[in-house]
C-alpha atoms as a PDB file:
ATOM      1  CA  MET A   1     -70.532  62.968  11.650  1.00  0.00           C
ATOM      2  CA  LYS A   2     -69.869  64.869   8.983  1.00  0.00           C
ATOM      3  CA  LYS A   3     -69.228  68.804  10.673  1.00  0.00           C
ATOM      4  CA  PRO A   4     -66.440  67.286  13.368  1.00  0.00           C
ATOM      5  CA  LEU A   5     -65.374  65.623   9.919  1.00  0.00           C
ATOM      6  CA  ILE A   6     -65.364  68.794   8.232  1.00  0.00           C
ATOM      7  CA  ILE A   7     -64.091  71.054  11.465  1.00  0.00           C
ATOM      8  CA  LEU A   8     -61.035  68.566  11.272  1.00  0.00           C
ATOM      9  CA  ILE A   9     -60.378  68.844   8.038  1.00  0.00           C
ATOM     10  CA  SER A  10     -60.193  72.902   8.465  1.00  0.00           C
ATOM     11  CA  LEU A  11     -58.473  72.942  11.106  1.00  0.00           C
ATOM     12  CA  VAL A  12     -55.342  70.542   8.910  1.00  0.00           C
ATOM     13  CA  ILE A  13     -55.758  73.153   6.466  1.00  0.00           C
ATOM     14  CA  VAL A  14     -55.551  76.321   8.533  1.00  0.00           C
ATOM     15  CA  ALA A  15     -52.530  74.503  10.316  1.00  0.00           C
ATOM     16  CA  GLY A  16     -51.000  73.483   7.216  1.00  0.00           C
ATOM     17  CA  LEU A  17     -51.124  77.055   5.881  1.00  0.00           C
ATOM     18  CA  GLY A  18     -50.050  78.425   9.065  1.00  0.00           C
ATOM     19  CA  VAL A  19     -46.378  76.464   8.976  1.00  0.00           C
ATOM     20  CA  GLY A  20     -46.195  77.266   4.716  1.00  0.00           C
ATOM     21  CA  ALA A  21     -46.414  80.987   5.680  1.00  0.00           C
ATOM     22  CA  TRP A  22     -43.423  80.585   8.467  1.00  0.00           C
ATOM     23  CA  VAL A  23     -41.460  78.487   5.487  1.00  0.00           C
ATOM     24  CA  VAL A  24     -41.805  81.204   3.082  1.00  0.00           C
ATOM     25  CA  PHE A  25     -41.810  84.461   5.296  1.00  0.00           C
ATOM     26  CA  GLY A  26     -39.920  83.034   8.745  1.00  0.00           C
ATOM     27  CA  LYS A  27     -36.888  82.743   6.375  1.00  0.00           C
ATOM     28  CA  LYS A  28     -34.664  85.472   6.010  1.00  0.00           C
ATOM     29  CA  ALA A  29     -32.883  86.409   2.842  1.00  0.00           C
ATOM     30  CA  PRO A  30     -29.781  85.608   2.207  1.00  0.00           C
ATOM     31  CA  LYS A  31     -27.001  88.039   3.081  1.00  0.00           C
ATOM     32  CA  GLU A  32     -25.016  89.336   0.336  1.00  0.00           C
ATOM     33  CA  PRO A  33     -21.831  88.419  -0.415  1.00  0.00           C
ATOM     34  CA  ALA A  34     -18.490  90.633   1.482  1.00  0.00           C
ATOM     35  CA  ALA A  35     -17.217  92.664  -0.780  1.00  0.00           C
ATOM     36  CA  GLU A  36     -13.994  91.899  -1.782  1.00  0.00           C
ATOM     37  CA  GLN A  37     -10.935  93.656   0.454  1.00  0.00           C
ATOM     38  CA  PRO A  38      -9.036  96.071  -2.233  1.00  0.00           C
ATOM     39  CA  VAL A  39      -5.451  95.030  -2.380  1.00  0.00           C
ATOM     40  CA  ALA A  40      -2.353  97.352  -3.618  1.00  0.00           C
ATOM     41  CA  TYR A  41       1.403  95.589  -4.067  1.00  0.00           C
ATOM     42  CA  VAL A  42       4.605  96.707  -3.338  1.00  0.00           C
ATOM     43  CA  ASP A  43       7.841  95.010  -4.379  1.00  0.00           C
ATOM     44  CA  ILE A  44      11.308  95.658  -2.601  1.00  0.00           C
ATOM     45  CA  THR A  45      14.393  95.401  -4.770  1.00  0.00           C
ATOM     46  CA  ALA A  46      18.170  96.545  -3.661  1.00  0.00           C
ATOM     47  CA  GLU A  47      16.899  99.553  -5.233  1.00  0.00           C
ATOM     48  CA  GLY A  48      13.978 100.167  -2.966  1.00  0.00           C
ATOM     49  CA  PHE A  49      10.330  99.764  -2.816  1.00  0.00           C
ATOM     50  CA  SER A  50       8.148 100.090  -6.123  1.00  0.00           C
ATOM     51  CA  PRO A  51       6.066 101.996  -6.611  1.00  0.00           C
ATOM     52  CA  GLN A  52       7.739 104.768  -4.785  1.00  0.00           C
ATOM     53  CA  THR A  53       4.498 106.497  -4.550  1.00  0.00           C
ATOM     54  CA  LEU A  54       1.378 104.791  -3.790  1.00  0.00           C
ATOM     55  CA  GLN A  55      -2.851 106.152  -3.996  1.00  0.00           C
ATOM     56  CA  VAL A  56      -4.906 103.707  -2.163  1.00  0.00           C
ATOM     57  CA  GLU A  57      -8.533 103.934  -0.874  1.00  0.00           C
ATOM     58  CA  LYS A  58      -9.220 103.845   3.073  1.00  0.00           C
ATOM     59  CA  GLY A  59      -9.926  99.860   3.474  1.00  0.00           C
ATOM     60  CA  THR A  60      -7.263  99.215   0.931  1.00  0.00           C
ATOM     61  CA  LYS A  61      -4.806  96.159   2.217  1.00  0.00           C
ATOM     62  CA  VAL A  62      -1.072  96.445   0.760  1.00  0.00           C
ATOM     63  CA  VAL A  63       1.302  93.820   0.519  1.00  0.00           C
ATOM     64  CA  TRP A  64       4.951  93.911  -0.024  1.00  0.00           C
ATOM     65  CA  LEU A  65       6.836  91.950  -1.773  1.00  0.00           C
ATOM     66  CA  ASN A  66      10.703  91.197  -1.147  1.00  0.00           C
ATOM     67  CA  ARG A  67      11.749  90.435  -4.325  1.00  0.00           C
ATOM     68  CA  ASP A  68      15.471  90.454  -3.049  1.00  0.00           C
ATOM     69  CA  ALA A  69      18.042  88.095  -1.938  1.00  0.00           C
ATOM     70  CA  ALA A  70      18.809  90.481   1.183  1.00  0.00           C
ATOM     71  CA  PRO A  71      16.701  91.327   3.941  1.00  0.00           C
ATOM     72  CA  HIS A  72      14.253  93.803   4.360  1.00  0.00           C
ATOM     73  CA  GLN A  73      11.685  95.883   7.217  1.00  0.00           C
ATOM     74  CA  VAL A  74       9.017  97.774   6.120  1.00  0.00           C
ATOM     75  CA  ALA A  75       8.447 100.639   9.295  1.00  0.00           C
ATOM     76  CA  SER A  76       6.559 103.875   9.464  1.00  0.00           C
ATOM     77  CA  ASP A  77       8.736 106.937   9.525  1.00  0.00           C
ATOM     78  CA  PRO A  78      10.254 108.501  11.271  1.00  0.00           C
ATOM     79  CA  TYR A  79      13.610 106.457  11.812  1.00  0.00           C
ATOM     80  CA  PRO A  80      14.168 105.153  14.228  1.00  0.00           C
ATOM     81  CA  ASP A  81      10.980 105.111  16.165  1.00  0.00           C
ATOM     82  CA  ARG A  82       8.164 105.238  13.533  1.00  0.00           C
ATOM     83  CA  SER A  83       5.808 107.025  15.147  1.00  0.00           C
ATOM     84  CA  ALA A  84       3.564 107.886  12.650  1.00  0.00           C
ATOM     85  CA  LEU A  85       2.405 105.489  12.064  1.00  0.00           C
ATOM     86  CA  PRO A  86       3.742 102.475  14.874  1.00  0.00           C
ATOM     87  CA  GLU A  87       1.453  99.611  13.964  1.00  0.00           C
ATOM     88  CA  LEU A  88       3.228  99.766  10.124  1.00  0.00           C
ATOM     89  CA  PHE A  89       6.018  97.679  11.124  1.00  0.00           C
ATOM     90  CA  SER A  90       6.750  94.315  10.296  1.00  0.00           C
ATOM     91  CA  LYS A  91       8.468  93.297  13.337  1.00  0.00           C
ATOM     92  CA  GLN A  92      10.641  90.500  11.219  1.00  0.00           C
ATOM     93  CA  PRO A  93      12.653  91.045   8.778  1.00  0.00           C
ATOM     94  CA  LEU A  94      11.382  89.910   5.616  1.00  0.00           C
ATOM     95  CA  ALA A  95      13.398  87.130   3.329  1.00  0.00           C
ATOM     96  CA  ALA A  96      13.611  86.746  -0.108  1.00  0.00           C
ATOM     97  CA  GLU A  97       9.970  85.889  -1.733  1.00  0.00           C
ATOM     98  CA  ALA A  98       8.641  86.593   1.974  1.00  0.00           C
ATOM     99  CA  THR A  99       5.793  89.261   1.967  1.00  0.00           C
ATOM    100  CA  TYR A 100       3.660  91.687   4.602  1.00  0.00           C
ATOM    101  CA  SER A 101       0.375  92.904   4.526  1.00  0.00           C
ATOM    102  CA  PHE A 102      -0.973  95.750   6.447  1.00  0.00           C
ATOM    103  CA  THR A 103      -4.701  97.665   6.086  1.00  0.00           C
ATOM    104  CA  PHE A 104      -5.110 101.032   5.620  1.00  0.00           C
ATOM    105  CA  ASN A 105      -7.787 101.925   8.244  1.00  0.00           C
ATOM    106  CA  LYS A 106      -6.442 105.836   8.435  1.00  0.00           C
ATOM    107  CA  THR A 107      -6.706 108.492   5.529  1.00  0.00           C
ATOM    108  CA  GLY A 108      -3.521 110.486   5.145  1.00  0.00           C
ATOM    109  CA  THR A 109       0.067 110.723   4.142  1.00  0.00           C
ATOM    110  CA  TRP A 110       1.803 107.717   5.348  1.00  0.00           C
ATOM    111  CA  ALA A 111       5.530 107.775   4.658  1.00  0.00           C
ATOM    112  CA  TYR A 112       7.924 104.454   5.094  1.00  0.00           C
ATOM    113  CA  HIS A 113      10.798 102.985   5.432  1.00  0.00           C
ATOM    114  CA  ASP A 114      13.002 100.510   5.069  1.00  0.00           C
ATOM    115  CA  TYR A 115      13.970 100.228   8.902  1.00  0.00           C
ATOM    116  CA  LEU A 116      17.419  97.691   8.118  1.00  0.00           C
ATOM    117  CA  HIS A 117      18.062 100.242   5.097  1.00  0.00           C
ATOM    118  CA  PRO A 118      16.677 103.864   6.473  1.00  0.00           C
ATOM    119  CA  THR A 119      17.621 105.031   3.057  1.00  0.00           C
ATOM    120  CA  MET A 120      14.791 103.583   1.554  1.00  0.00           C
ATOM    121  CA  THR A 121      11.892 105.087   1.608  1.00  0.00           C
ATOM    122  CA  ALA A 122       8.416 105.490  -0.240  1.00  0.00           C
ATOM    123  CA  VAL A 123       4.995 107.098   0.478  1.00  0.00           C
ATOM    124  CA  ILE A 124       1.305 105.729   0.329  1.00  0.00           C
ATOM    125  CA  GLN A 125      -1.397 108.263   0.451  1.00  0.00           C
ATOM    126  CA  VAL A 126      -4.741 107.020   1.785  1.00  0.00           C
ATOM    127  CA  LYS A 127      -7.650 108.881   0.975  1.00  0.00           C
END
């Protein structure tokens, strides 16, 4: 009777070790937290965009904030066709205190303007 009992206990121990190994080694390592996306800000006032020239790294989200009572609309140059970077366009004019954001995933120098006030211009340099 001792031999079957020893075999049964041995099987239980081996099975327990197998489950323990699965629990310890079968789990995936926790993922690293994603790096936060860099963000840069541009103010829109009655005088224009501030800063006039902004340098950012590729992947930076730029947020425009209308600090003027008049509406403004961010658009890529040239006026009026916006062909340099057509996706850079706030489809709706920005009311006072409204924001528009765009993530720059292409390197280059991107001139833009206020579509409602085309003489208001600025540049974003993406490295």
